[in-house]
């Protein structure tokens, strides 16, 4: 199961999939994404986890980027008998305090207000301008244009609903539960993404069977910047 990031789409995985061994792949639209919006009946983080788990029969390997990584971690913990292994890319284990969650919900409320008052184009321009994505300026124009098209493939209302349902402030605090996981987990971060490098160095050692991979010369979006490194990590888990 391949889970895209916020404002992403299933085709964000195309360059990764091209390098994967033959396997049955499910790459769903996440709640609120696409046109029409995916999963209109989902209104919470754990409800989205349950919906995703219903998309496949039997055990599976999950790989997720950013929002998809947070959902992938949630699947490991909420449906441990179903998830054999995970590749979590530029992910988080949630926020540990209610104060931190409230602060993040307030920040997301600002993005939601922008979406609902000024529309998708204004939101997408400001979202892409965040320092988190600065390393993408070195990419070829065609890759940057493809990413811009993905960001434009949604509705403003859908992305607002995604933030309300699965924003970081809505995610359960999973950090304390990491030591209970026994599945293999590859935690990938780009070395040019300092905040997530720090998170990876904190969280990966808490996993019984985890390993941290810091990808050289790349930032937050490894699907876009280093698909070969992502494909290698997934292939390793599929071959177990």
Foldseek 3Di string as FASTA:
>chain_A
DEEEAQLFAQCLQVVLVVLADDDDDDYDDAALWFVVGPPPVAQALVSRLVVVLVVDPAADEYEYAELGLCSNVVNCVPVVRRYQEYERALYAQFDDDLVVLVVQLVVLVVLLCCCVPPHQVVSLVVVCPDPQNVLCVPPDPVLVVVSSVSSVRGTSVSSNSCCSHRNRSRRDRCQVVQLVGDHEYEYEAEPVAVVSVVRCVVRQVSHPRYDYDHHYSDGRSCSSVPSVVVSVVVNVSVVD
